[in-house]
Amino acid sequence: MCDYNPMLTLTQGSPAGGTYSGTGVTSGQFDPSVPGLGTTTLIYTFIDGNGCMGSATSDILIDDCLSISETEASIIQLFPNPSTGVFTVDAGSAIIEHIVIYDNAGRLVEDLGNMQVSILTIDLSKHSRGMYTLSVKTNHGTDRLPFVLDK
């Protein structure tokens, strides 16, 4: 999620009737400009009629969202894009050290951990269609690449 996106009304908590909390959350709305760049955690808490409490958390990535010219300067290639699920990440002469994938809302989808490769095939076919962001850390820096999963 970009730090300049408008406030997001939080409505996905289940069962309905709970409350949301976290940095940037006010009256069931999340303002991505408040927590700053990086990952922030939103919490949904529900208390039933017997006083039993349950909660769920969701990590949201707040990014400054690269401009087109910065993205075009990326050394990382991601193809095919869009894809039905299997992508190739090619870092050229760079070494891929870590890959993290976020959905369009900034929630963490996959953390592929530490690695030392220059080309990698990723199978995301188990995930829903939509827009995602691939964050690739190499020995030259970190690039964020948008991609579409289209089944």
C-alpha atoms as a PDB file:
ATOM      1  CA  MET A   1       0.000   0.000   0.000  1.00  0.00           C
ATOM      2  CA  CYS A   2       1.353   3.412  -0.905  1.00  0.00           C
ATOM      3  CA  ASP A   3       1.839   5.954   1.859  1.00  0.00           C
ATOM      4  CA  TYR A   4      -0.187   8.476  -0.157  1.00  0.00           C
ATOM      5  CA  ASN A   5      -3.257   6.208  -0.624  1.00  0.00           C
ATOM      6  CA  PRO A   6      -6.535   7.519   0.822  1.00  0.00           C
ATOM      7  CA  MET A   7      -7.855   6.223   4.134  1.00  0.00           C
ATOM      8  CA  LEU A   8      -9.044   2.614   3.967  1.00  0.00           C
ATOM      9  CA  THR A   9     -12.296   1.590   5.670  1.00  0.00           C
ATOM     10  CA  LEU A  10     -11.640  -1.665   7.533  1.00  0.00           C
ATOM     11  CA  THR A  11     -14.546  -4.084   7.019  1.00  0.00           C
ATOM     12  CA  GLN A  12     -13.110  -7.590   6.616  1.00  0.00           C
ATOM     13  CA  GLY A  13     -13.057  -8.635  10.299  1.00  0.00           C
ATOM     14  CA  SER A  14     -15.015 -11.759  11.156  1.00  0.00           C
ATOM     15  CA  PRO A  15     -17.197 -12.218  13.059  1.00  0.00           C
ATOM     16  CA  ALA A  16     -18.601  -8.755  12.451  1.00  0.00           C
ATOM     17  CA  GLY A  17     -18.839  -6.301  15.329  1.00  0.00           C
ATOM     18  CA  GLY A  18     -15.232  -6.273  16.515  1.00  0.00           C
ATOM     19  CA  THR A  19     -12.819  -3.383  16.698  1.00  0.00           C
ATOM     20  CA  TYR A  20      -9.667  -2.514  14.782  1.00  0.00           C
ATOM     21  CA  SER A  21      -6.519  -1.094  16.317  1.00  0.00           C
ATOM     22  CA  GLY A  22      -2.966  -0.302  15.325  1.00  0.00           C
ATOM     23  CA  THR A  23      -0.886   2.675  14.284  1.00  0.00           C
ATOM     24  CA  GLY A  24      -2.940   4.779  11.874  1.00  0.00           C
ATOM     25  CA  VAL A  25      -6.315   3.219  12.821  1.00  0.00           C
ATOM     26  CA  THR A  26      -9.093   5.563  13.944  1.00  0.00           C
ATOM     27  CA  SER A  27     -12.812   4.690  14.097  1.00  0.00           C
ATOM     28  CA  GLY A  28     -12.448   1.684  11.780  1.00  0.00           C
ATOM     29  CA  GLN A  29     -10.361   3.558   9.197  1.00  0.00           C
ATOM     30  CA  PHE A  30      -6.670   3.093   8.393  1.00  0.00           C
ATOM     31  CA  ASP A  31      -4.570   6.064   7.275  1.00  0.00           C
ATOM     32  CA  PRO A  32      -1.414   4.743   5.532  1.00  0.00           C
ATOM     33  CA  SER A  33       0.374   8.089   5.943  1.00  0.00           C
ATOM     34  CA  VAL A  34       0.467   7.741   9.754  1.00  0.00           C
ATOM     35  CA  PRO A  35       2.685   4.683  10.458  1.00  0.00           C
ATOM     36  CA  GLY A  36       5.476   5.677   8.076  1.00  0.00           C
ATOM     37  CA  LEU A  37       7.294   3.442   5.601  1.00  0.00           C
ATOM     38  CA  GLY A  38       7.749  -0.241   6.407  1.00  0.00           C
ATOM     39  CA  THR A  39       5.529  -2.922   7.871  1.00  0.00           C
ATOM     40  CA  THR A  40       2.800  -2.076  10.357  1.00  0.00           C
ATOM     41  CA  THR A  41       0.404  -4.459  12.108  1.00  0.00           C
ATOM     42  CA  LEU A  42      -3.370  -4.018  12.199  1.00  0.00           C
ATOM     43  CA  ILE A  43      -5.297  -5.925  14.881  1.00  0.00           C
ATOM     44  CA  TYR A  44      -8.954  -7.013  14.777  1.00  0.00           C
ATOM     45  CA  THR A  45     -10.419  -7.917  18.180  1.00  0.00           C
ATOM     46  CA  PHE A  46     -13.820  -9.482  18.858  1.00  0.00           C
ATOM     47  CA  ILE A  47     -15.425 -10.158  22.246  1.00  0.00           C
ATOM     48  CA  ASP A  48     -18.478 -12.447  22.246  1.00  0.00           C
ATOM     49  CA  GLY A  49     -21.481 -12.350  24.591  1.00  0.00           C
ATOM     50  CA  ASN A  50     -19.695 -14.626  27.091  1.00  0.00           C
ATOM     51  CA  GLY A  51     -16.701 -12.319  27.337  1.00  0.00           C
ATOM     52  CA  CYS A  52     -14.449 -14.599  25.294  1.00  0.00           C
ATOM     53  CA  MET A  53     -11.993 -12.614  23.218  1.00  0.00           C
ATOM     54  CA  GLY A  54     -10.296 -13.448  19.949  1.00  0.00           C
ATOM     55  CA  SER A  55      -8.053 -11.419  17.716  1.00  0.00           C
ATOM     56  CA  ALA A  56      -6.406 -11.564  14.317  1.00  0.00           C
ATOM     57  CA  THR A  57      -3.505  -9.559  12.962  1.00  0.00           C
ATOM     58  CA  SER A  58      -2.561  -8.456   9.487  1.00  0.00           C
ATOM     59  CA  ASP A  59       0.798  -7.021   8.463  1.00  0.00           C
ATOM     60  CA  ILE A  60       0.575  -4.159   5.969  1.00  0.00           C
ATOM     61  CA  LEU A  61       3.568  -2.913   3.967  1.00  0.00           C
ATOM     62  CA  ILE A  62       3.606   0.871   3.593  1.00  0.00           C
ATOM     63  CA  ASP A  63       5.766   1.931   0.661  1.00  0.00           C
ATOM     64  CA  ASP A  64       6.593   5.244  -0.991  1.00  0.00           C
ATOM     65  CA  CYS A  65       5.681   3.533  -4.306  1.00  0.00           C
ATOM     66  CA  LEU A  66       8.386   3.950  -6.877  1.00  0.00           C
ATOM     67  CA  SER A  67       7.862   6.186  -9.850  1.00  0.00           C
ATOM     68  CA  ILE A  68       7.870   4.724 -13.347  1.00  0.00           C
ATOM     69  CA  SER A  69      11.360   5.999 -14.101  1.00  0.00           C
ATOM     70  CA  GLU A  70      12.774   4.326 -10.983  1.00  0.00           C
ATOM     71  CA  THR A  71      11.025   1.062 -11.838  1.00  0.00           C
ATOM     72  CA  GLU A  72      12.324   1.160 -15.405  1.00  0.00           C
ATOM     73  CA  ALA A  73      15.853   1.504 -14.036  1.00  0.00           C
ATOM     74  CA  SER A  74      15.466  -1.781 -12.150  1.00  0.00           C
ATOM     75  CA  ILE A  75      18.040  -4.461 -12.853  1.00  0.00           C
ATOM     76  CA  ILE A  76      15.512  -7.163 -11.975  1.00  0.00           C
ATOM     77  CA  GLN A  77      13.419  -8.781 -14.701  1.00  0.00           C
ATOM     78  CA  LEU A  78      10.131 -10.498 -13.835  1.00  0.00           C
ATOM     79  CA  PHE A  79       8.393 -12.515 -16.540  1.00  0.00           C
ATOM     80  CA  PRO A  80       5.893 -13.350 -17.806  1.00  0.00           C
ATOM     81  CA  ASN A  81       3.827 -10.494 -16.450  1.00  0.00           C
ATOM     82  CA  PRO A  82       0.910 -11.022 -16.249  1.00  0.00           C
ATOM     83  CA  SER A  83       1.123 -14.738 -15.507  1.00  0.00           C
ATOM     84  CA  THR A  84      -1.163 -17.610 -14.552  1.00  0.00           C
ATOM     85  CA  GLY A  85       1.089 -18.378 -11.610  1.00  0.00           C
ATOM     86  CA  VAL A  86       4.658 -19.335 -12.541  1.00  0.00           C
ATOM     87  CA  PHE A  87       7.094 -16.417 -12.749  1.00  0.00           C
ATOM     88  CA  THR A  88      10.809 -16.176 -13.432  1.00  0.00           C
ATOM     89  CA  VAL A  89      12.891 -13.599 -11.581  1.00  0.00           C
ATOM     90  CA  ASP A  90      16.177 -12.760 -13.321  1.00  0.00           C
ATOM     91  CA  ALA A  91      18.666 -10.502 -11.542  1.00  0.00           C
ATOM     92  CA  GLY A  92      21.242 -10.571 -14.339  1.00  0.00           C
ATOM     93  CA  SER A  93      24.688 -10.266 -12.791  1.00  0.00           C
ATOM     94  CA  ALA A  94      23.262  -9.445  -9.341  1.00  0.00           C
ATOM     95  CA  ILE A  95      22.698 -12.062  -6.643  1.00  0.00           C
ATOM     96  CA  ILE A  96      19.174 -12.418  -5.226  1.00  0.00           C
ATOM     97  CA  GLU A  97      19.416 -12.563  -1.446  1.00  0.00           C
ATOM     98  CA  HIS A  98      15.780 -12.356  -0.323  1.00  0.00           C
ATOM     99  CA  ILE A  99      12.327 -12.174  -1.935  1.00  0.00           C
ATOM    100  CA  VAL A 100       9.106 -11.046  -0.266  1.00  0.00           C
ATOM    101  CA  ILE A 101       5.702 -10.860  -1.984  1.00  0.00           C
ATOM    102  CA  TYR A 102       2.832  -8.591  -0.920  1.00  0.00           C
ATOM    103  CA  ASP A 103      -0.750  -8.407  -2.148  1.00  0.00           C
ATOM    104  CA  ASN A 104      -2.344  -5.180  -3.403  1.00  0.00           C
ATOM    105  CA  ALA A 105      -3.373  -4.228   0.151  1.00  0.00           C
ATOM    106  CA  GLY A 106       0.225  -4.566   1.352  1.00  0.00           C
ATOM    107  CA  ARG A 107      -0.316  -7.831   3.247  1.00  0.00           C
ATOM    108  CA  LEU A 108       2.549 -10.320   3.303  1.00  0.00           C
ATOM    109  CA  VAL A 109       1.787 -13.239   0.950  1.00  0.00           C
ATOM    110  CA  GLU A 110       5.125 -15.072   0.725  1.00  0.00           C
ATOM    111  CA  ASP A 111       8.524 -14.695   2.359  1.00  0.00           C
ATOM    112  CA  LEU A 112      10.914 -16.819   0.341  1.00  0.00           C
ATOM    113  CA  GLY A 113      13.722 -16.438   2.845  1.00  0.00           C
ATOM    114  CA  ASN A 114      17.417 -16.194   2.279  1.00  0.00           C
ATOM    115  CA  MET A 115      19.001 -17.371  -0.956  1.00  0.00           C
ATOM    116  CA  GLN A 116      22.020 -16.752  -3.156  1.00  0.00           C
ATOM    117  CA  VAL A 117      20.859 -17.131  -6.783  1.00  0.00           C
ATOM    118  CA  SER A 118      20.651 -14.939  -9.872  1.00  0.00           C
ATOM    119  CA  ILE A 119      17.624 -16.633 -11.502  1.00  0.00           C
ATOM    120  CA  LEU A 120      14.630 -18.084  -9.675  1.00  0.00           C
ATOM    121  CA  THR A 121      11.281 -19.595 -10.679  1.00  0.00           C
ATOM    122  CA  ILE A 122       8.374 -18.862  -8.334  1.00  0.00           C
ATOM    123  CA  ASP A 123       5.034 -20.710  -8.395  1.00  0.00           C
ATOM    124  CA  LEU A 124       2.205 -18.525  -7.066  1.00  0.00           C
ATOM    125  CA  SER A 125      -0.631 -20.451  -8.724  1.00  0.00           C
ATOM    126  CA  LYS A 126      -2.185 -21.271  -5.317  1.00  0.00           C
ATOM    127  CA  HIS A 127      -2.892 -17.571  -4.726  1.00  0.00           C
ATOM    128  CA  SER A 128      -5.889 -15.558  -5.920  1.00  0.00           C
ATOM    129  CA  ARG A 129      -5.737 -13.524  -9.086  1.00  0.00           C
ATOM    130  CA  GLY A 130      -4.885  -9.886  -8.582  1.00  0.00           C
ATOM    131  CA  MET A 131      -2.075  -7.359  -8.341  1.00  0.00           C
ATOM    132  CA  TYR A 132       0.969  -8.077  -6.194  1.00  0.00           C
ATOM    133  CA  THR A 133       4.354  -6.556  -5.440  1.00  0.00           C
ATOM    134  CA  LEU A 134       7.605  -8.497  -5.536  1.00  0.00           C
ATOM    135  CA  SER A 135      10.310  -7.069  -3.266  1.00  0.00           C
ATOM    136  CA  VAL A 136      13.709  -8.414  -4.322  1.00  0.00           C
ATOM    137  CA  LYS A 137      16.811  -7.743  -2.238  1.00  0.00           C
ATOM    138  CA  THR A 138      20.046  -8.253  -4.169  1.00  0.00           C
ATOM    139  CA  ASN A 139      23.669  -7.458  -3.502  1.00  0.00           C
ATOM    140  CA  HIS A 140      22.970  -4.191  -5.419  1.00  0.00           C
ATOM    141  CA  GLY A 141      19.952  -3.041  -3.383  1.00  0.00           C
ATOM    142  CA  THR A 142      16.215  -3.674  -3.184  1.00  0.00           C
ATOM    143  CA  ASP A 143      13.761  -3.416  -6.083  1.00  0.00           C
ATOM    144  CA  ARG A 144       9.969  -3.543  -5.897  1.00  0.00           C
ATOM    145  CA  LEU A 145       8.202  -4.818  -8.987  1.00  0.00           C
ATOM    146  CA  PRO A 146       4.426  -4.877  -9.491  1.00  0.00           C
ATOM    147  CA  PHE A 147       2.966  -7.933 -11.196  1.00  0.00           C
ATOM    148  CA  VAL A 148      -0.391  -9.434 -12.093  1.00  0.00           C
ATOM    149  CA  LEU A 149      -1.559 -12.945 -11.292  1.00  0.00           C
ATOM    150  CA  ASP A 150      -4.267 -13.665 -13.870  1.00  0.00           C
ATOM    151  CA  LYS A 151      -5.780 -17.137 -13.812  1.00  0.00           C
END
